[in-house]
Amino acid sequence: MTAGRAETATLTAILLGFPGLSIRSADFLVAAEAARIRARTGAATADSLIAATATVTSSKWLITKDRTLADRLAGLDWSPRVVLLSAD
């Protein structure tokens, strides 16, 4: 299902107002860490960028519904705890 403009605007507003959630641009530090994570885990580029952002920002948790990503990241020695939501 593709979200329309209204749905996208609503979701953006919810995410930007969510306590403890921040938005960070993918800069050189994030890209370099993503490359390292991708090389070590074989994770997809987008997943590597998400994990790298968690690492660079010293996040305590990385919450995902993607079991494959959680399994790939389990082999890393890093500080964010991967929390797997119920996967369908």
N, C-alpha and C. Protein backbone atom coordinates (compact mmCIF):
# COMPACT_ATOMS: atom_id res chain seq x y z
N MET A 1 0.84 -1.16 0.00
CA MET A 1 0.00 0.00 0.00
C MET A 1 0.90 1.24 0.00
N THR A 2 0.56 2.19 -0.85
CA THR A 2 1.31 3.42 -0.95
C THR A 2 0.58 4.52 -0.19
N ALA A 3 1.31 5.25 0.62
CA ALA A 3 0.71 6.33 1.40
C ALA A 3 0.59 7.58 0.54
N GLY A 4 -0.50 8.29 0.72
CA GLY A 4 -0.69 9.55 0.03
C GLY A 4 -0.05 10.69 0.81
N ARG A 5 -0.21 11.89 0.30
CA ARG A 5 0.40 13.06 0.95
C ARG A 5 -0.11 13.27 2.36
N ALA A 6 -1.40 13.11 2.57
CA ALA A 6 -1.98 13.33 3.90
C ALA A 6 -1.42 12.33 4.91
N GLU A 7 -1.34 11.06 4.50
CA GLU A 7 -0.82 10.03 5.39
C GLU A 7 0.65 10.27 5.69
N THR A 8 1.40 10.66 4.66
CA THR A 8 2.83 10.94 4.84
C THR A 8 3.03 12.11 5.79
N ALA A 9 2.24 13.15 5.63
CA ALA A 9 2.34 14.32 6.51
C ALA A 9 2.00 13.94 7.95
N THR A 10 0.98 13.12 8.13
CA THR A 10 0.59 12.69 9.47
C THR A 10 1.70 11.87 10.12
N LEU A 11 2.25 10.92 9.38
CA LEU A 11 3.32 10.10 9.92
C LEU A 11 4.55 10.93 10.26
N THR A 12 4.88 11.88 9.40
CA THR A 12 6.03 12.76 9.65
C THR A 12 5.81 13.55 10.93
N ALA A 13 4.63 14.08 11.12
CA ALA A 13 4.32 14.85 12.33
C ALA A 13 4.42 13.97 13.58
N ILE A 14 3.94 12.75 13.48
CA ILE A 14 4.02 11.83 14.63
C ILE A 14 5.48 11.53 14.97
N LEU A 15 6.27 11.20 13.95
CA LEU A 15 7.67 10.86 14.20
C LEU A 15 8.47 12.04 14.74
N LEU A 16 8.25 13.23 14.19
CA LEU A 16 8.99 14.41 14.65
C LEU A 16 8.62 14.81 16.07
N GLY A 17 7.42 14.45 16.51
CA GLY A 17 6.98 14.79 17.85
C GLY A 17 7.16 13.67 18.86
N PHE A 18 7.71 12.53 18.43
CA PHE A 18 7.86 11.38 19.31
C PHE A 18 8.99 11.62 20.31
N PRO A 19 8.72 11.47 21.60
CA PRO A 19 9.76 11.72 22.61
C PRO A 19 10.96 10.79 22.44
N GLY A 20 12.14 11.35 22.48
CA GLY A 20 13.36 10.57 22.42
C GLY A 20 13.80 10.18 21.02
N LEU A 21 13.02 10.52 20.01
CA LEU A 21 13.37 10.18 18.63
C LEU A 21 13.98 11.40 17.97
N SER A 22 15.08 11.20 17.29
CA SER A 22 15.70 12.31 16.58
C SER A 22 15.99 11.89 15.15
N ILE A 23 16.09 12.87 14.29
CA ILE A 23 16.38 12.65 12.88
C ILE A 23 17.82 13.10 12.64
N ARG A 24 18.59 12.28 11.93
CA ARG A 24 19.98 12.62 11.66
C ARG A 24 20.27 12.38 10.20
N SER A 25 20.95 13.31 9.59
CA SER A 25 21.34 13.16 8.19
C SER A 25 22.44 12.11 8.08
N ALA A 26 22.50 11.48 6.93
CA ALA A 26 23.57 10.52 6.66
C ALA A 26 24.78 11.29 6.15
N ASP A 27 25.73 11.53 7.05
CA ASP A 27 26.94 12.26 6.68
C ASP A 27 28.08 11.26 6.47
N PHE A 28 29.30 11.76 6.36
CA PHE A 28 30.44 10.90 6.10
C PHE A 28 30.64 9.86 7.21
N LEU A 29 30.50 10.27 8.47
CA LEU A 29 30.69 9.33 9.58
C LEU A 29 29.69 8.17 9.53
N VAL A 30 28.42 8.51 9.24
CA VAL A 30 27.39 7.48 9.14
C VAL A 30 27.67 6.58 7.94
N ALA A 31 28.04 7.18 6.82
CA ALA A 31 28.32 6.40 5.61
C ALA A 31 29.50 5.45 5.81
N ALA A 32 30.55 5.92 6.46
CA ALA A 32 31.72 5.08 6.71
C ALA A 32 31.36 3.92 7.64
N GLU A 33 30.59 4.19 8.68
CA GLU A 33 30.17 3.13 9.59
C GLU A 33 29.23 2.16 8.88
N ALA A 34 28.37 2.67 8.02
CA ALA A 34 27.46 1.81 7.26
C ALA A 34 28.25 0.87 6.35
N ALA A 35 29.29 1.38 5.73
CA ALA A 35 30.14 0.54 4.87
C ALA A 35 30.79 -0.58 5.68
N ARG A 36 31.26 -0.25 6.89
CA ARG A 36 31.88 -1.25 7.75
C ARG A 36 30.86 -2.31 8.16
N ILE A 37 29.67 -1.88 8.53
CA ILE A 37 28.62 -2.81 8.95
C ILE A 37 28.20 -3.69 7.77
N ARG A 38 28.03 -3.09 6.62
CA ARG A 38 27.64 -3.85 5.42
C ARG A 38 28.70 -4.89 5.06
N ALA A 39 29.96 -4.52 5.16
CA ALA A 39 31.04 -5.45 4.84
C ALA A 39 31.09 -6.62 5.82
N ARG A 40 30.80 -6.35 7.08
CA ARG A 40 30.89 -7.40 8.11
C ARG A 40 29.66 -8.29 8.18
N THR A 41 28.49 -7.74 7.79
CA THR A 41 27.24 -8.49 7.98
C THR A 41 26.54 -8.89 6.70
N GLY A 42 26.84 -8.20 5.60
CA GLY A 42 26.12 -8.45 4.36
C GLY A 42 24.73 -7.84 4.35
N ALA A 43 24.45 -6.97 5.32
CA ALA A 43 23.14 -6.31 5.40
C ALA A 43 22.96 -5.39 4.20
N ALA A 44 21.72 -5.15 3.84
CA ALA A 44 21.40 -4.24 2.75
C ALA A 44 21.90 -2.83 3.08
N THR A 45 22.11 -2.04 2.05
CA THR A 45 22.62 -0.68 2.26
C THR A 45 21.72 0.12 3.19
N ALA A 46 20.43 0.11 2.96
CA ALA A 46 19.50 0.88 3.82
C ALA A 46 19.58 0.40 5.27
N ASP A 47 19.61 -0.92 5.47
CA ASP A 47 19.71 -1.47 6.82
C ASP A 47 21.04 -1.09 7.48
N SER A 48 22.10 -1.09 6.68
CA SER A 48 23.41 -0.69 7.21
C SER A 48 23.41 0.77 7.62
N LEU A 49 22.74 1.62 6.86
CA LEU A 49 22.64 3.04 7.23
C LEU A 49 21.86 3.22 8.52
N ILE A 50 20.81 2.46 8.70
CA ILE A 50 20.03 2.53 9.94
C ILE A 50 20.88 2.10 11.13
N ALA A 51 21.57 0.98 10.98
CA ALA A 51 22.43 0.48 12.06
C ALA A 51 23.58 1.45 12.34
N ALA A 52 24.15 2.02 11.29
CA ALA A 52 25.25 2.97 11.47
C ALA A 52 24.79 4.22 12.19
N THR A 53 23.60 4.68 11.87
CA THR A 53 23.06 5.86 12.55
C THR A 53 22.88 5.57 14.03
N ALA A 54 22.40 4.37 14.36
CA ALA A 54 22.26 3.99 15.77
C ALA A 54 23.62 3.97 16.46
N THR A 55 24.63 3.50 15.77
CA THR A 55 25.97 3.42 16.34
C THR A 55 26.56 4.81 16.55
N VAL A 56 26.51 5.63 15.52
CA VAL A 56 27.14 6.97 15.57
C VAL A 56 26.45 7.87 16.59
N THR A 57 25.16 7.69 16.79
CA THR A 57 24.43 8.53 17.74
C THR A 57 24.41 7.94 19.15
N SER A 58 25.13 6.84 19.35
CA SER A 58 25.18 6.15 20.65
C SER A 58 23.80 5.77 21.15
N SER A 59 22.96 5.32 20.23
CA SER A 59 21.61 4.89 20.60
C SER A 59 21.68 3.67 21.51
N LYS A 60 20.71 3.57 22.40
CA LYS A 60 20.66 2.42 23.29
C LYS A 60 19.97 1.24 22.62
N TRP A 61 19.03 1.53 21.72
CA TRP A 61 18.26 0.47 21.07
C TRP A 61 18.13 0.74 19.59
N LEU A 62 18.03 -0.34 18.82
CA LEU A 62 17.64 -0.29 17.42
C LEU A 62 16.42 -1.19 17.34
N ILE A 63 15.28 -0.60 17.07
CA ILE A 63 14.02 -1.35 17.06
C ILE A 63 13.66 -1.66 15.62
N THR A 64 13.39 -2.92 15.34
CA THR A 64 13.08 -3.34 13.99
C THR A 64 12.05 -4.47 14.00
N LYS A 65 11.43 -4.66 12.87
CA LYS A 65 10.52 -5.78 12.68
C LYS A 65 11.15 -6.78 11.70
N ASP A 66 12.38 -6.51 11.31
CA ASP A 66 13.09 -7.29 10.30
C ASP A 66 13.99 -8.32 10.98
N ARG A 67 13.55 -9.56 11.00
CA ARG A 67 14.30 -10.63 11.67
C ARG A 67 15.67 -10.83 11.02
N THR A 68 15.73 -10.72 9.69
CA THR A 68 17.01 -10.90 9.00
C THR A 68 18.02 -9.86 9.46
N LEU A 69 17.59 -8.61 9.56
CA LEU A 69 18.48 -7.55 10.04
C LEU A 69 18.91 -7.83 11.47
N ALA A 70 17.98 -8.18 12.33
CA ALA A 70 18.32 -8.47 13.72
C ALA A 70 19.34 -9.61 13.81
N ASP A 71 19.15 -10.64 13.00
CA ASP A 71 20.08 -11.77 13.01
C ASP A 71 21.46 -11.35 12.51
N ARG A 72 21.51 -10.53 11.48
CA ARG A 72 22.79 -10.08 10.93
C ARG A 72 23.54 -9.20 11.94
N LEU A 73 22.82 -8.34 12.63
CA LEU A 73 23.45 -7.43 13.58
C LEU A 73 23.86 -8.13 14.87
N ALA A 74 23.27 -9.29 15.14
CA ALA A 74 23.58 -10.02 16.38
C ALA A 74 25.05 -10.41 16.44
N GLY A 75 25.70 -10.56 15.30
CA GLY A 75 27.10 -10.95 15.27
C GLY A 75 28.08 -9.82 15.50
N LEU A 76 27.57 -8.59 15.58
CA LEU A 76 28.45 -7.43 15.79
C LEU A 76 28.69 -7.19 17.27
N ASP A 77 29.86 -6.69 17.58
CA ASP A 77 30.17 -6.27 18.95
C ASP A 77 29.92 -4.76 19.00
N TRP A 78 28.72 -4.39 19.37
CA TRP A 78 28.36 -2.97 19.38
C TRP A 78 27.38 -2.69 20.50
N SER A 79 27.20 -1.42 20.82
CA SER A 79 26.41 -1.09 22.00
C SER A 79 24.90 -1.07 21.81
N PRO A 80 24.33 -0.64 20.67
CA PRO A 80 22.85 -0.65 20.63
C PRO A 80 22.30 -2.07 20.76
N ARG A 81 21.27 -2.19 21.55
CA ARG A 81 20.58 -3.47 21.69
C ARG A 81 19.53 -3.56 20.60
N VAL A 82 19.54 -4.63 19.83
CA VAL A 82 18.54 -4.82 18.77
C VAL A 82 17.29 -5.41 19.39
N VAL A 83 16.18 -4.71 19.23
CA VAL A 83 14.89 -5.16 19.74
C VAL A 83 14.05 -5.56 18.54
N LEU A 84 13.69 -6.84 18.48
CA LEU A 84 12.88 -7.35 17.38
C LEU A 84 11.43 -7.33 17.76
N LEU A 85 10.66 -6.53 17.05
CA LEU A 85 9.22 -6.52 17.26
C LEU A 85 8.64 -7.79 16.65
N SER A 86 7.44 -8.12 16.99
CA SER A 86 6.81 -9.32 16.45
C SER A 86 6.85 -9.30 14.92
N ALA A 87 7.55 -10.26 14.36
CA ALA A 87 7.66 -10.35 12.90
C ALA A 87 6.59 -11.28 12.37
N ASP A 88 5.97 -10.86 11.30
CA ASP A 88 4.91 -11.70 10.69
C ASP A 88 5.48 -12.78 9.82
